[in-house]
Amino acid sequence: MGQVSGPMNPIDLDLEAIQFDGTWMTREQLVSLITSKLDASDYFVSKPSEALEQLTATLAELRTLALSVTPQLADALTQAAARQGKTEACIAREAIMAHLGMSDTAAAPEVPPAMVARRSGPNRAAKTSATFVRPQ
């Protein structure tokens, strides 16, 4: 699922979401959570704030690589992504990481189907790109 794990929570690069408190949350959702807590005079916002900071910092470091492939490889990539419920970028990332001997240190948490559906769309399959995070 195009995930990166750091010292805290797994991050799904394609969804631009972080797993926080057992749920995948985007930056907007974390901001909303923090705001609602503060509005309710609940000042225990350090954990969602840390998750927001981790997600924001990780997304700020991303690099996009364009990849030229034959139509056959592009079709195979699209089919593999559809079968696995992943994006083409995720499949490319995983293949490159495997080729370089890099592995994701955390088990991939389950992403809710509603969020997986947001990964695909009319423009997703037309452009194949892969996003990487530099190891720290």
Protein backbone atom coordinates (compact mmCIF):
# COMPACT_ATOMS: atom_id res chain seq x y z
CA MET A 1 0.00 0.00 0.00
CA GLY A 2 2.85 2.40 -0.52
CA GLN A 3 3.53 2.69 3.15
CA VAL A 4 6.42 4.05 5.10
CA SER A 5 6.85 3.58 8.79
CA GLY A 6 8.84 5.79 10.98
CA PRO A 7 9.32 5.86 14.71
CA MET A 8 5.59 6.39 15.29
CA ASN A 9 2.89 5.48 12.81
CA PRO A 10 2.67 3.90 9.34
CA ILE A 11 2.05 6.37 6.50
CA ASP A 12 0.31 5.55 3.23
CA LEU A 13 2.04 7.71 0.62
CA ASP A 14 -0.66 7.27 -2.00
CA LEU A 15 -3.48 8.31 0.32
CA GLU A 16 -1.35 10.88 2.13
CA ALA A 17 -2.70 9.41 5.35
CA ILE A 18 -1.25 8.19 8.63
CA GLN A 19 -2.52 5.41 10.84
CA PHE A 20 -3.47 7.07 14.11
CA ASP A 21 -5.28 5.39 16.96
CA GLY A 22 -6.22 2.45 14.72
CA THR A 23 -7.65 4.63 11.92
CA TRP A 24 -6.21 6.03 8.69
CA MET A 25 -6.37 9.83 8.84
CA THR A 26 -5.43 12.56 6.38
CA ARG A 27 -3.94 15.90 7.39
CA GLU A 28 -7.38 17.50 7.14
CA GLN A 29 -8.89 14.85 9.41
CA LEU A 30 -6.13 15.29 12.00
CA VAL A 31 -6.57 19.07 11.95
CA SER A 32 -10.32 18.60 12.42
CA LEU A 33 -9.73 16.19 15.32
CA ILE A 34 -7.32 18.58 17.02
CA THR A 35 -9.66 21.54 16.49
CA SER A 36 -12.67 19.67 17.87
CA LYS A 37 -10.68 18.60 20.93
CA LEU A 38 -9.59 22.18 21.59
CA ASP A 39 -13.13 23.48 21.03
CA ALA A 40 -14.30 20.99 23.66
CA SER A 41 -11.61 22.23 26.08
CA ASP A 42 -9.80 18.91 25.72
CA TYR A 43 -6.15 19.92 25.66
CA PHE A 44 -4.74 16.42 25.26
CA VAL A 45 -3.74 16.99 21.67
CA SER A 46 -0.07 16.03 21.75
CA LYS A 47 -0.53 12.60 20.13
CA PRO A 48 -2.68 13.78 17.19
CA SER A 49 -0.36 16.78 16.84
CA GLU A 50 2.67 14.46 16.67
CA ALA A 51 0.92 12.34 14.04
CA LEU A 52 0.10 15.48 12.03
CA GLU A 53 3.70 16.65 12.33
CA GLN A 54 5.04 13.24 11.24
CA LEU A 55 2.69 13.08 8.26
CA THR A 56 3.43 16.64 7.18
CA ALA A 57 7.21 16.17 7.48
CA THR A 58 7.14 12.88 5.55
CA LEU A 59 5.00 14.28 2.75
CA ALA A 60 7.25 17.34 2.50
CA GLU A 61 10.26 15.07 1.81
CA LEU A 62 8.67 13.06 -1.00
CA ARG A 63 10.33 12.96 -4.40
CA THR A 64 8.51 12.07 -7.60
CA LEU A 65 10.26 10.02 -10.26
CA ALA A 66 8.82 9.75 -13.77
CA LEU A 67 9.15 6.32 -15.30
CA SER A 68 8.96 5.48 -19.02
CA VAL A 69 7.72 1.98 -19.77
CA THR A 70 6.39 0.05 -22.76
CA PRO A 71 2.61 -0.19 -23.19
CA GLN A 72 2.79 -3.89 -22.26
CA LEU A 73 4.59 -3.16 -18.99
CA ALA A 74 2.20 -0.30 -18.23
CA ASP A 75 -0.79 -2.62 -18.82
CA ALA A 76 0.75 -5.34 -16.65
CA LEU A 77 1.42 -2.79 -13.91
CA THR A 78 -2.17 -1.51 -14.08
CA GLN A 79 -3.55 -5.07 -13.93
CA ALA A 80 -1.31 -6.01 -10.99
CA ALA A 81 -2.34 -2.86 -9.13
CA ALA A 82 -6.03 -3.57 -9.73
CA ARG A 83 -5.67 -7.19 -8.56
CA GLN A 84 -3.88 -6.13 -5.39
CA GLY A 85 -6.00 -3.03 -4.64
CA LYS A 86 -2.95 -0.79 -4.90
CA THR A 87 -1.83 2.06 -7.12
CA GLU A 88 0.68 1.66 -9.92
CA ALA A 89 3.07 3.87 -7.93
CA CYS A 90 2.79 1.54 -4.95
CA ILE A 91 3.59 -1.52 -7.08
CA ALA A 92 6.57 0.30 -8.65
CA ARG A 93 7.80 1.42 -5.22
CA GLU A 94 7.58 -2.10 -3.83
CA ALA A 95 9.39 -3.58 -6.86
CA ILE A 96 12.21 -1.04 -6.62
CA MET A 97 12.53 -1.55 -2.86
CA ALA A 98 12.68 -5.34 -3.36
CA HIS A 99 15.28 -4.95 -6.11
CA LEU A 100 17.43 -2.75 -3.87
CA GLY A 101 17.06 -5.09 -0.89
CA MET A 102 15.08 -2.54 1.10
CA SER A 103 12.06 -3.72 3.04
CA ASP A 104 9.22 -2.05 4.83
CA THR A 105 9.94 -2.70 8.51
CA ALA A 106 6.30 -2.63 9.59
CA ALA A 107 3.52 -4.95 8.59
CA ALA A 108 1.13 -3.21 6.25
CA PRO A 109 -2.01 -2.27 8.19
CA GLU A 110 -5.35 -2.77 6.47
CA VAL A 111 -6.64 0.30 4.66
CA PRO A 112 -10.43 0.74 4.68
CA PRO A 113 -12.06 0.08 1.26
CA ALA A 114 -13.42 3.65 1.12
CA MET A 115 -9.89 5.02 1.29
CA VAL A 116 -8.61 2.48 -1.25
CA ALA A 117 -11.31 3.65 -3.66
CA ARG A 118 -9.92 7.20 -3.42
CA ARG A 119 -6.60 5.90 -4.80
CA SER A 120 -8.04 5.16 -8.20
CA GLY A 121 -9.70 7.46 -10.64
CA PRO A 122 -9.74 8.38 -14.30
CA ASN A 123 -6.34 10.09 -14.19
CA ARG A 124 -4.55 7.61 -11.93
CA ALA A 125 -3.87 4.93 -14.55
CA ALA A 126 -2.89 7.40 -17.27
CA LYS A 127 0.27 8.53 -15.50
CA THR A 128 2.64 6.15 -13.76
CA SER A 129 4.87 7.75 -11.18
CA ALA A 130 6.51 6.57 -8.02
CA THR A 131 7.05 8.57 -4.88
CA PHE A 132 9.89 7.80 -2.51
CA VAL A 133 10.94 8.90 0.94
CA ARG A 134 14.64 9.20 1.62
CA PRO A 135 15.64 6.94 4.54
CA GLN A 136 16.68 8.95 7.57
